[in-house]
Amino acid sequence: MDLNLIKKLVKIVDTSEITDLEVEENGLRIRVAKKLKSGSNNMPQVLVSQAPPSELPQPRPSTIEQHPQTVEVQENLHEIKSPIVGTFYRSPAPDADPYVQVGDSISTGTVLCIVEAMKLMNEIESDISGKIVKIFVENGKPVEYNQPLFLIQKS
């Protein structure tokens, strides 16, 4: 389950009258619930577990509090996000080397990957110069619109 989905779930609970939301996907179970306290901000809690539902203790003391607006990204880091829904490929062909690796220095316009959508190969280029810090998606995996693909340290 990706971080964007978790953020969306937290936002849904935070901005609605819903007090509790639970989602299970591929054996990963996420529960988002508001703490209801009088006179304070109702901040959602996120509980992430990979245990089967029958093995989960209720309530679980180690919850992760997250605020939808508090995704901390340092000012010198920049995310390259997918402009479309499709399949992520790190190289132009299965037997070719990847376009970029973690640690590579890149410049504006450098091709980072391909996102295939409806049999069209869309090259994703960097909009800044810097150094590749992290690659969020595995080769051949599906990506969603606006899903982070790369983290780049600005130069």
Protein backbone atom coordinates (compact mmCIF):
# COMPACT_ATOMS: atom_id res chain seq x y z
CA MET A 1 0.00 0.00 0.00
CA ASP A 2 1.60 3.29 -0.94
CA LEU A 3 2.10 6.40 1.15
CA ASN A 4 -0.21 8.49 -1.06
CA LEU A 5 -3.12 6.15 -0.32
CA ILE A 6 -2.45 6.41 3.42
CA LYS A 7 -2.35 10.22 3.14
CA LYS A 8 -5.68 10.20 1.27
CA LEU A 9 -7.27 7.97 3.92
CA VAL A 10 -6.05 10.28 6.70
CA LYS A 11 -7.40 13.31 4.84
CA ILE A 12 -10.80 11.65 4.33
CA VAL A 13 -11.13 10.92 8.04
CA ASP A 14 -9.76 14.33 9.04
CA THR A 15 -12.11 16.35 6.79
CA SER A 16 -15.28 14.32 7.28
CA GLU A 17 -17.55 13.27 10.09
CA ILE A 18 -16.15 9.73 9.87
CA THR A 19 -14.42 8.75 13.11
CA ASP A 20 -13.01 5.39 12.02
CA LEU A 21 -11.91 3.86 8.68
CA GLU A 22 -10.27 0.49 8.03
CA VAL A 23 -8.78 -0.82 4.75
CA GLU A 24 -7.05 -4.13 3.99
CA GLU A 25 -4.94 -4.75 0.88
CA ASN A 26 -2.61 -7.67 0.15
CA GLY A 27 -2.45 -8.71 3.82
CA LEU A 28 -1.66 -5.17 4.98
CA ARG A 29 -4.34 -3.68 7.22
CA ILE A 30 -4.63 0.05 7.89
CA ARG A 31 -6.98 1.62 10.43
CA VAL A 32 -7.40 5.39 10.61
CA ALA A 33 -9.31 6.77 13.61
CA LYS A 34 -9.88 10.19 15.16
CA LYS A 35 -9.11 10.85 18.80
CA LEU A 36 -12.20 12.55 20.13
CA LYS A 37 -11.21 15.08 22.78
CA SER A 38 -13.26 18.10 23.73
CA GLY A 39 -11.68 21.46 22.93
CA SER A 40 -8.79 20.06 20.90
CA ASN A 41 -7.98 19.26 17.33
CA ASN A 42 -9.25 15.86 16.22
CA MET A 43 -6.13 14.41 14.64
CA PRO A 44 -6.43 11.03 12.91
CA GLN A 45 -4.32 8.10 14.07
CA VAL A 46 -2.97 5.54 11.62
CA LEU A 47 -2.44 1.91 12.62
CA VAL A 48 -0.53 -0.22 10.10
CA SER A 49 -0.23 -3.97 10.56
CA GLN A 50 0.69 -6.97 8.46
CA ALA A 51 -0.75 -9.55 10.86
CA PRO A 52 -3.99 -11.29 9.94
CA PRO A 53 -7.02 -9.48 11.45
CA SER A 54 -7.61 -12.29 13.97
CA GLU A 55 -4.11 -11.80 15.43
CA LEU A 56 -4.37 -8.03 15.94
CA PRO A 57 -4.72 -6.93 19.55
CA GLN A 58 -7.46 -4.38 20.13
CA PRO A 59 -6.67 -1.57 20.86
CA ARG A 60 -3.03 -1.52 19.87
CA PRO A 61 -0.92 0.83 22.00
CA SER A 62 1.70 1.64 19.36
CA THR A 63 -0.13 3.80 16.87
CA ILE A 64 1.38 6.24 14.43
CA GLU A 65 -0.05 9.73 14.58
CA GLN A 66 0.06 11.48 11.24
CA HIS A 67 -1.18 14.84 10.13
CA PRO A 68 -2.01 15.13 6.42
CA GLN A 69 -0.06 18.37 6.08
CA THR A 70 3.08 17.23 7.94
CA VAL A 71 4.91 15.25 5.33
CA GLU A 72 8.36 16.60 6.02
CA VAL A 73 10.44 17.01 2.90
CA GLN A 74 13.62 18.97 3.28
CA GLU A 75 13.79 22.15 1.25
CA ASN A 76 16.73 20.93 -0.82
CA LEU A 77 14.88 17.74 -1.88
CA HIS A 78 12.51 17.57 -4.85
CA GLU A 79 10.09 14.80 -5.83
CA ILE A 80 9.56 13.81 -9.43
CA LYS A 81 5.98 12.53 -9.70
CA SER A 82 4.25 10.47 -12.36
CA PRO A 83 2.26 12.69 -14.74
CA ILE A 84 0.08 9.73 -15.78
CA VAL A 85 -1.21 6.32 -14.71
CA GLY A 86 0.80 3.50 -16.25
CA THR A 87 3.66 1.04 -15.81
CA PHE A 88 7.05 2.27 -14.56
CA TYR A 89 10.20 1.18 -16.41
CA ARG A 90 13.72 2.19 -15.37
CA SER A 91 15.31 1.37 -18.73
CA PRO A 92 14.41 1.73 -22.42
CA ALA A 93 14.48 -2.07 -22.94
CA PRO A 94 14.47 -5.15 -20.69
CA ASP A 95 18.14 -5.91 -21.44
CA ALA A 96 19.33 -2.25 -21.30
CA ASP A 97 20.92 -0.43 -18.37
CA PRO A 98 18.65 1.79 -16.26
CA TYR A 99 18.46 5.45 -17.20
CA VAL A 100 19.59 6.51 -13.71
CA GLN A 101 20.75 4.96 -10.44
CA VAL A 102 20.70 6.25 -6.86
CA GLY A 103 23.68 8.59 -6.49
CA ASP A 104 23.74 9.69 -10.15
CA SER A 105 24.07 13.41 -10.87
CA ILE A 106 21.50 14.63 -13.35
CA SER A 107 20.66 17.86 -15.13
CA THR A 108 17.39 19.42 -16.26
CA GLY A 109 15.96 17.39 -19.15
CA THR A 110 17.69 14.11 -18.24
CA VAL A 111 15.44 11.12 -18.97
CA LEU A 112 14.80 9.33 -15.67
CA CYS A 113 12.39 6.55 -16.67
CA ILE A 114 9.51 5.55 -18.91
CA VAL A 115 5.86 5.31 -17.90
CA GLU A 116 3.94 3.14 -20.34
CA ALA A 117 0.29 4.01 -20.79
CA MET A 118 -1.91 2.33 -23.40
CA LYS A 119 1.12 1.01 -25.31
CA LEU A 120 2.67 4.49 -25.47
CA MET A 121 6.13 4.91 -23.94
CA ASN A 122 6.30 8.28 -22.15
CA GLU A 123 9.78 9.43 -21.18
CA ILE A 124 9.82 11.20 -17.82
CA GLU A 125 12.47 13.92 -17.67
CA SER A 126 13.93 15.75 -14.71
CA ASP A 127 12.74 19.32 -14.23
CA ILE A 128 15.73 20.20 -12.03
CA SER A 129 19.45 19.49 -11.74
CA GLY A 130 20.74 17.49 -8.81
CA LYS A 131 21.53 14.04 -7.46
CA ILE A 132 19.20 11.01 -7.31
CA VAL A 133 18.61 10.25 -3.62
CA LYS A 134 15.86 7.63 -3.85
CA ILE A 135 13.85 5.68 -6.42
CA PHE A 136 10.39 4.98 -4.98
CA VAL A 137 9.04 2.47 -7.55
CA GLU A 138 10.30 -0.94 -8.62
CA ASN A 139 10.82 -1.68 -12.31
CA GLY A 140 7.68 -2.99 -14.04
CA LYS A 141 5.30 -1.90 -11.27
CA PRO A 142 2.12 0.13 -11.89
CA VAL A 143 2.10 3.81 -10.90
CA GLU A 144 -0.73 6.21 -10.21
CA TYR A 145 -1.14 9.81 -11.31
CA ASN A 146 0.98 12.13 -9.11
CA GLN A 147 2.72 9.19 -7.37
CA PRO A 148 6.31 10.04 -6.34
CA LEU A 149 8.86 8.27 -8.56
CA PHE A 150 12.19 9.87 -7.61
CA LEU A 151 13.63 11.99 -4.83
CA ILE A 152 16.29 14.42 -6.03
CA GLN A 153 18.66 16.54 -3.99
CA LYS A 154 18.82 19.92 -5.70
CA SER A 155 22.25 21.15 -6.71
